[in-house]
N, C-alpha and C. Protein backbone atom coordinates (compact mmCIF):
# COMPACT_ATOMS: atom_id res chain seq x y z
N UNK A 1 -18.13 37.02 -24.82
CA UNK A 1 -17.37 35.89 -25.33
C UNK A 1 -17.25 34.80 -24.27
N UNK A 2 -16.82 35.18 -23.08
CA UNK A 2 -16.62 34.19 -22.02
C UNK A 2 -17.94 33.55 -21.63
N UNK A 3 -19.02 34.33 -21.55
CA UNK A 3 -20.33 33.77 -21.21
C UNK A 3 -20.77 32.76 -22.27
N UNK A 4 -20.57 33.09 -23.53
CA UNK A 4 -20.94 32.18 -24.61
C UNK A 4 -20.13 30.88 -24.54
N UNK A 5 -18.83 31.01 -24.32
CA UNK A 5 -17.99 29.81 -24.21
C UNK A 5 -18.40 28.95 -23.03
N UNK A 6 -18.70 29.60 -21.90
CA UNK A 6 -19.11 28.85 -20.71
C UNK A 6 -20.42 28.11 -20.95
N UNK A 7 -21.34 28.71 -21.69
CA UNK A 7 -22.61 28.03 -21.97
C UNK A 7 -22.42 26.82 -22.87
N UNK A 8 -21.42 26.88 -23.73
CA UNK A 8 -21.14 25.76 -24.65
C UNK A 8 -20.22 24.71 -24.02
N UNK A 9 -19.34 25.17 -23.13
CA UNK A 9 -18.34 24.29 -22.51
C UNK A 9 -18.27 24.59 -21.01
N UNK A 10 -19.22 24.05 -20.22
CA UNK A 10 -19.25 24.33 -18.79
C UNK A 10 -17.91 24.03 -18.11
N UNK A 11 -17.48 24.94 -17.25
CA UNK A 11 -16.23 24.79 -16.53
C UNK A 11 -15.06 25.50 -17.18
N UNK A 12 -15.24 25.97 -18.40
CA UNK A 12 -14.15 26.65 -19.11
C UNK A 12 -13.82 28.00 -18.49
N UNK A 13 -14.85 28.70 -18.01
CA UNK A 13 -14.64 30.03 -17.43
C UNK A 13 -13.58 30.01 -16.32
N UNK A 14 -13.68 29.04 -15.42
CA UNK A 14 -12.74 29.01 -14.29
C UNK A 14 -11.31 28.73 -14.73
N UNK A 15 -11.12 28.22 -15.92
CA UNK A 15 -9.77 27.99 -16.44
C UNK A 15 -9.21 29.24 -17.12
N UNK A 16 -10.09 30.16 -17.51
CA UNK A 16 -9.68 31.35 -18.25
C UNK A 16 -9.60 32.59 -17.36
N UNK A 17 -10.56 32.73 -16.44
CA UNK A 17 -10.61 33.92 -15.59
C UNK A 17 -10.66 33.53 -14.12
N UNK A 18 -10.24 34.47 -13.28
CA UNK A 18 -10.38 34.32 -11.84
C UNK A 18 -11.04 35.59 -11.31
N UNK A 19 -11.05 35.79 -10.00
CA UNK A 19 -11.71 36.96 -9.42
C UNK A 19 -11.11 38.28 -9.89
N UNK A 20 -9.84 38.26 -10.28
CA UNK A 20 -9.16 39.48 -10.72
C UNK A 20 -9.31 39.74 -12.22
N UNK A 21 -9.85 38.79 -12.94
CA UNK A 21 -10.01 38.94 -14.40
C UNK A 21 -9.31 37.81 -15.14
N UNK A 22 -8.79 38.13 -16.29
CA UNK A 22 -8.10 37.15 -17.13
C UNK A 22 -6.89 36.59 -16.39
N UNK A 23 -6.79 35.27 -16.36
CA UNK A 23 -5.65 34.65 -15.67
C UNK A 23 -4.35 35.05 -16.35
N UNK A 24 -3.28 35.16 -15.57
CA UNK A 24 -1.99 35.62 -16.09
C UNK A 24 -1.44 34.73 -17.19
N UNK A 25 -1.69 33.43 -17.11
CA UNK A 25 -1.10 32.50 -18.06
C UNK A 25 -1.98 32.26 -19.30
N UNK A 26 -3.08 32.98 -19.41
CA UNK A 26 -3.97 32.85 -20.57
C UNK A 26 -3.92 34.13 -21.38
N UNK A 27 -3.74 33.99 -22.66
CA UNK A 27 -3.74 35.14 -23.58
C UNK A 27 -4.92 34.98 -24.53
N UNK A 28 -5.68 36.05 -24.70
CA UNK A 28 -6.78 36.06 -25.66
C UNK A 28 -6.51 37.15 -26.66
N UNK A 29 -6.61 36.80 -27.93
CA UNK A 29 -6.37 37.75 -29.02
C UNK A 29 -7.62 37.89 -29.86
N UNK A 30 -7.92 39.11 -30.24
CA UNK A 30 -9.00 39.40 -31.19
C UNK A 30 -8.32 39.97 -32.42
N UNK A 31 -8.42 39.25 -33.53
CA UNK A 31 -7.74 39.65 -34.76
C UNK A 31 -6.27 39.98 -34.50
N UNK A 32 -5.59 39.10 -33.80
CA UNK A 32 -4.15 39.20 -33.50
C UNK A 32 -3.77 40.31 -32.53
N UNK A 33 -4.74 40.96 -31.88
CA UNK A 33 -4.47 42.00 -30.88
C UNK A 33 -4.82 41.46 -29.49
N UNK A 34 -3.91 41.61 -28.56
CA UNK A 34 -4.12 41.14 -27.19
C UNK A 34 -5.28 41.91 -26.55
N UNK A 35 -6.25 41.19 -25.97
CA UNK A 35 -7.41 41.86 -25.38
C UNK A 35 -7.02 42.78 -24.23
N UNK A 36 -5.87 42.56 -23.64
CA UNK A 36 -5.42 43.43 -22.55
C UNK A 36 -5.23 44.86 -23.03
N UNK A 37 -5.00 45.02 -24.33
CA UNK A 37 -4.81 46.35 -24.91
C UNK A 37 -6.05 46.83 -25.67
N UNK A 38 -7.11 46.03 -25.62
CA UNK A 38 -8.35 46.38 -26.33
C UNK A 38 -9.52 46.60 -25.39
N UNK A 39 -9.26 46.69 -24.10
CA UNK A 39 -10.34 46.88 -23.15
C UNK A 39 -10.60 45.66 -22.29
N UNK A 40 -9.73 44.69 -22.35
CA UNK A 40 -9.88 43.49 -21.53
C UNK A 40 -10.99 42.58 -22.02
N UNK A 41 -11.61 41.89 -21.09
CA UNK A 41 -12.66 40.93 -21.44
C UNK A 41 -13.92 41.60 -21.97
N UNK A 42 -14.00 42.91 -21.84
CA UNK A 42 -15.15 43.65 -22.36
C UNK A 42 -14.87 44.20 -23.76
N UNK A 43 -13.76 43.81 -24.36
CA UNK A 43 -13.42 44.28 -25.71
C UNK A 43 -14.54 43.89 -26.68
N UNK A 44 -14.92 44.80 -27.55
CA UNK A 44 -16.01 44.50 -28.49
C UNK A 44 -15.59 43.49 -29.55
N UNK A 45 -16.54 42.66 -29.93
CA UNK A 45 -16.34 41.69 -31.02
C UNK A 45 -17.21 42.10 -32.19
N UNK A 46 -16.70 41.92 -33.38
CA UNK A 46 -17.50 42.22 -34.57
C UNK A 46 -17.66 40.94 -35.38
N UNK A 47 -18.67 40.93 -36.24
CA UNK A 47 -18.89 39.76 -37.10
C UNK A 47 -17.64 39.49 -37.93
N UNK A 48 -17.24 38.24 -37.95
CA UNK A 48 -16.10 37.85 -38.77
C UNK A 48 -14.75 37.99 -38.11
N UNK A 49 -14.71 38.51 -36.88
CA UNK A 49 -13.40 38.66 -36.23
C UNK A 49 -12.90 37.28 -35.79
N UNK A 50 -11.62 37.19 -35.62
CA UNK A 50 -10.97 35.96 -35.19
C UNK A 50 -10.60 36.08 -33.72
N UNK A 51 -10.97 35.06 -32.93
CA UNK A 51 -10.63 35.05 -31.50
C UNK A 51 -9.74 33.84 -31.24
N UNK A 52 -8.60 34.10 -30.61
CA UNK A 52 -7.66 33.03 -30.27
C UNK A 52 -7.45 33.04 -28.76
N UNK A 53 -7.62 31.88 -28.13
CA UNK A 53 -7.34 31.72 -26.71
C UNK A 53 -6.11 30.83 -26.62
N UNK A 54 -5.05 31.38 -26.04
CA UNK A 54 -3.76 30.70 -26.05
C UNK A 54 -3.20 30.62 -24.64
N UNK A 55 -3.07 29.40 -24.09
CA UNK A 55 -2.44 29.29 -22.78
C UNK A 55 -0.93 29.47 -22.92
N UNK A 56 -0.34 30.21 -22.00
CA UNK A 56 1.11 30.39 -22.02
C UNK A 56 1.78 29.09 -21.61
N UNK A 57 2.89 28.79 -22.23
CA UNK A 57 3.63 27.56 -21.94
C UNK A 57 5.06 27.95 -21.57
N UNK A 58 5.54 27.38 -20.49
CA UNK A 58 6.91 27.65 -20.06
C UNK A 58 7.58 26.33 -19.70
N UNK A 59 8.83 26.33 -19.75
CA UNK A 59 9.55 25.12 -19.39
C UNK A 59 11.02 25.26 -19.71
N UNK A 60 11.70 24.20 -19.52
CA UNK A 60 13.13 24.29 -19.76
C UNK A 60 13.67 23.05 -20.38
């Protein structure tokens, strides 16, 4: 997924992942399930699944 996105949108990878993996403030969901509980960035994708990339927002 990340490789495909990077090929379509150069520079996106560095905003989503760092050397340790998925950045803390970025959440990725596959069919409403957090990838952190599905095997991380190596979670399998199937035809027709929904992928949501959601940056965490905080403030006061």
